[in-house]
Structure formats: structure tokens, C-alpha cells
């Protein structure tokens, strides 16, 4: 299990993207958060098992009906001692 950080670019703010991802992640009982950044991107941090990564990336790419994802940057966070209560919108 790793803590992943994703930076999602494209038309991902003011189109229901965060809510859609939060709902899908909560259904999968994932832990983490999603938030808008000032530069127009969305940051997503999630605790994922290796076998969940591809499905989560697909979820991020699909987003909401009005979103248009152009790119997703991904990294593994070395240390994340924050505790999450489910998957939250920040």
C-alpha cells in the first residue's frame, strides 16, 4: 500500500469533478482527499494498493460528465502521516 499524489490538469474545476471522484472513491472505501489548486489543477491524495492503481487512474481520467482531463501527474509520497476519515473534499 502506498500513498499516491496525483495532479490532474484540464477542465476539472467548476464541473463537478471533485464530487464525482469523492463519491466513486467513497464507494470503493478508499482513504484520502481531493482539492482544487489555485492554478486550475486538482490535487488528489489516496492510499492505494498496487492492484487498485490502474482502476483509480481510470476513475480520475473519466471524472465527471462535464470534465475534460488533459493530463495526470503521479508520484508516491514517501511519508504521509496524516489520518484520513474516508475520502474527503477539501
C-alpha atoms as a PDB file:
ATOM      1  CA  UNK A   1       0.000   0.000   0.000  1.00  0.00           C
ATOM      2  CA  UNK A   2       1.329   3.414  -0.976  1.00  0.00           C
ATOM      3  CA  UNK A   3       0.189   6.989  -0.628  1.00  0.00           C
ATOM      4  CA  UNK A   4      -0.113   8.461  -4.106  1.00  0.00           C
ATOM      5  CA  UNK A   5      -0.379  12.112  -5.079  1.00  0.00           C
ATOM      6  CA  UNK A   6      -1.986  12.997  -8.396  1.00  0.00           C
ATOM      7  CA  UNK A   7      -2.136  16.403 -10.075  1.00  0.00           C
ATOM      8  CA  UNK A   8      -4.966  16.485 -12.589  1.00  0.00           C
ATOM      9  CA  UNK A   9      -4.962  19.130 -15.340  1.00  0.00           C
ATOM     10  CA  UNK A  10      -7.638  20.170 -17.786  1.00  0.00           C
ATOM     11  CA  UNK A  11     -11.209  21.296 -17.319  1.00  0.00           C
ATOM     12  CA  UNK A  12     -11.504  19.919 -13.784  1.00  0.00           C
ATOM     13  CA  UNK A  13     -12.769  22.849 -11.710  1.00  0.00           C
ATOM     14  CA  UNK A  14     -16.394  24.023 -11.544  1.00  0.00           C
ATOM     15  CA  UNK A  15     -17.609  20.923 -13.413  1.00  0.00           C
ATOM     16  CA  UNK A  16     -18.435  18.561 -10.509  1.00  0.00           C
ATOM     17  CA  UNK A  17     -15.105  16.759 -10.786  1.00  0.00           C
ATOM     18  CA  UNK A  18     -14.234  16.694  -7.073  1.00  0.00           C
ATOM     19  CA  UNK A  19     -17.695  15.493  -6.060  1.00  0.00           C
ATOM     20  CA  UNK A  20     -17.700  12.740  -8.693  1.00  0.00           C
ATOM     21  CA  UNK A  21     -14.275  11.465  -7.637  1.00  0.00           C
ATOM     22  CA  UNK A  22     -15.173  11.693  -3.945  1.00  0.00           C
ATOM     23  CA  UNK A  23     -18.332   9.642  -4.481  1.00  0.00           C
ATOM     24  CA  UNK A  24     -16.580   6.949  -6.531  1.00  0.00           C
ATOM     25  CA  UNK A  25     -13.656   6.753  -4.077  1.00  0.00           C
ATOM     26  CA  UNK A  26     -16.029   6.504  -1.123  1.00  0.00           C
ATOM     27  CA  UNK A  27     -17.884   3.626  -2.802  1.00  0.00           C
ATOM     28  CA  UNK A  28     -14.551   1.827  -3.042  1.00  0.00           C
ATOM     29  CA  UNK A  29     -13.870   2.641   0.618  1.00  0.00           C
ATOM     30  CA  UNK A  30     -10.670   4.483  -0.294  1.00  0.00           C
ATOM     31  CA  UNK A  31      -8.875   6.866   2.046  1.00  0.00           C
ATOM     32  CA  UNK A  32      -7.595  10.297   1.028  1.00  0.00           C
ATOM     33  CA  UNK A  33      -8.709  13.670  -0.254  1.00  0.00           C
ATOM     34  CA  UNK A  34      -9.243  15.820  -3.328  1.00  0.00           C
ATOM     35  CA  UNK A  35      -8.914  19.595  -3.552  1.00  0.00           C
ATOM     36  CA  UNK A  36      -8.745  22.434  -6.056  1.00  0.00           C
ATOM     37  CA  UNK A  37      -5.432  24.224  -6.530  1.00  0.00           C
ATOM     38  CA  UNK A  38      -5.084  27.917  -7.338  1.00  0.00           C
ATOM     39  CA  UNK A  39      -3.500  27.153 -10.724  1.00  0.00           C
ATOM     40  CA  UNK A  40      -6.624  25.385 -12.032  1.00  0.00           C
ATOM     41  CA  UNK A  41      -5.458  21.839 -11.354  1.00  0.00           C
ATOM     42  CA  UNK A  42      -6.895  19.389  -8.850  1.00  0.00           C
ATOM     43  CA  UNK A  43      -4.750  17.572  -6.281  1.00  0.00           C
ATOM     44  CA  UNK A  44      -5.714  14.061  -5.232  1.00  0.00           C
ATOM     45  CA  UNK A  45      -4.003  12.106  -2.450  1.00  0.00           C
ATOM     46  CA  UNK A  46      -5.042   8.488  -1.917  1.00  0.00           C
ATOM     47  CA  UNK A  47      -3.899   5.379  -0.061  1.00  0.00           C
ATOM     48  CA  UNK A  48      -3.951   2.620  -2.687  1.00  0.00           C
ATOM     49  CA  UNK A  49      -2.876  -0.979  -3.005  1.00  0.00           C
ATOM     50  CA  UNK A  50      -0.856  -1.666  -6.151  1.00  0.00           C
ATOM     51  CA  UNK A  51      -3.778  -3.547  -7.730  1.00  0.00           C
ATOM     52  CA  UNK A  52      -6.055  -0.505  -7.238  1.00  0.00           C
ATOM     53  CA  UNK A  53      -3.832   1.980  -9.071  1.00  0.00           C
ATOM     54  CA  UNK A  54      -4.991   1.361 -12.653  1.00  0.00           C
ATOM     55  CA  UNK A  55      -8.687   1.492 -11.726  1.00  0.00           C
ATOM     56  CA  UNK A  56      -8.118   4.697  -9.747  1.00  0.00           C
ATOM     57  CA  UNK A  57      -6.297   6.305 -12.690  1.00  0.00           C
ATOM     58  CA  UNK A  58      -9.202   5.350 -14.954  1.00  0.00           C
ATOM     59  CA  UNK A  59     -11.602   6.945 -12.482  1.00  0.00           C
ATOM     60  CA  UNK A  60      -9.513  10.140 -12.466  1.00  0.00           C
ATOM     61  CA  UNK A  61      -9.411  10.201 -16.288  1.00  0.00           C
ATOM     62  CA  UNK A  62     -13.179   9.713 -16.604  1.00  0.00           C
ATOM     63  CA  UNK A  63     -14.010  12.310 -13.929  1.00  0.00           C
ATOM     64  CA  UNK A  64     -17.434  13.895 -14.198  1.00  0.00           C
ATOM     65  CA  UNK A  65     -19.664  14.267 -17.279  1.00  0.00           C
ATOM     66  CA  UNK A  66     -18.550  17.893 -17.832  1.00  0.00           C
ATOM     67  CA  UNK A  67     -14.847  17.471 -17.049  1.00  0.00           C
ATOM     68  CA  UNK A  68     -12.076  17.089 -19.616  1.00  0.00           C
ATOM     69  CA  UNK A  69      -8.869  15.648 -18.187  1.00  0.00           C
ATOM     70  CA  UNK A  70      -5.779  16.590 -20.193  1.00  0.00           C
ATOM     71  CA  UNK A  71      -3.038  15.077 -18.038  1.00  0.00           C
ATOM     72  CA  UNK A  72      -2.372  13.372 -14.727  1.00  0.00           C
ATOM     73  CA  UNK A  73       0.960  13.647 -12.925  1.00  0.00           C
ATOM     74  CA  UNK A  74       1.596  10.923 -10.370  1.00  0.00           C
ATOM     75  CA  UNK A  75       4.062  10.372  -7.553  1.00  0.00           C
ATOM     76  CA  UNK A  76       4.404   8.192  -4.479  1.00  0.00           C
ATOM     77  CA  UNK A  77       4.672  10.181  -1.267  1.00  0.00           C
ATOM     78  CA  UNK A  78       7.434   8.872   0.961  1.00  0.00           C
ATOM     79  CA  UNK A  79       5.842   9.966   4.189  1.00  0.00           C
ATOM     80  CA  UNK A  80       2.258  10.866   4.841  1.00  0.00           C
ATOM     81  CA  UNK A  81       1.394  10.607   8.498  1.00  0.00           C
ATOM     82  CA  UNK A  82      -1.970  12.294   8.074  1.00  0.00           C
ATOM     83  CA  UNK A  83      -5.002  10.274   9.018  1.00  0.00           C
ATOM     84  CA  UNK A  84      -7.993  10.355   6.706  1.00  0.00           C
ATOM     85  CA  UNK A  85     -11.563   9.590   7.606  1.00  0.00           C
ATOM     86  CA  UNK A  86     -12.764   8.202   4.304  1.00  0.00           C
ATOM     87  CA  UNK A  87     -12.278  10.213   1.139  1.00  0.00           C
ATOM     88  CA  UNK A  88     -12.922  13.910   1.615  1.00  0.00           C
ATOM     89  CA  UNK A  89     -13.228  17.068  -0.428  1.00  0.00           C
ATOM     90  CA  UNK A  90     -11.029  19.853   0.900  1.00  0.00           C
END
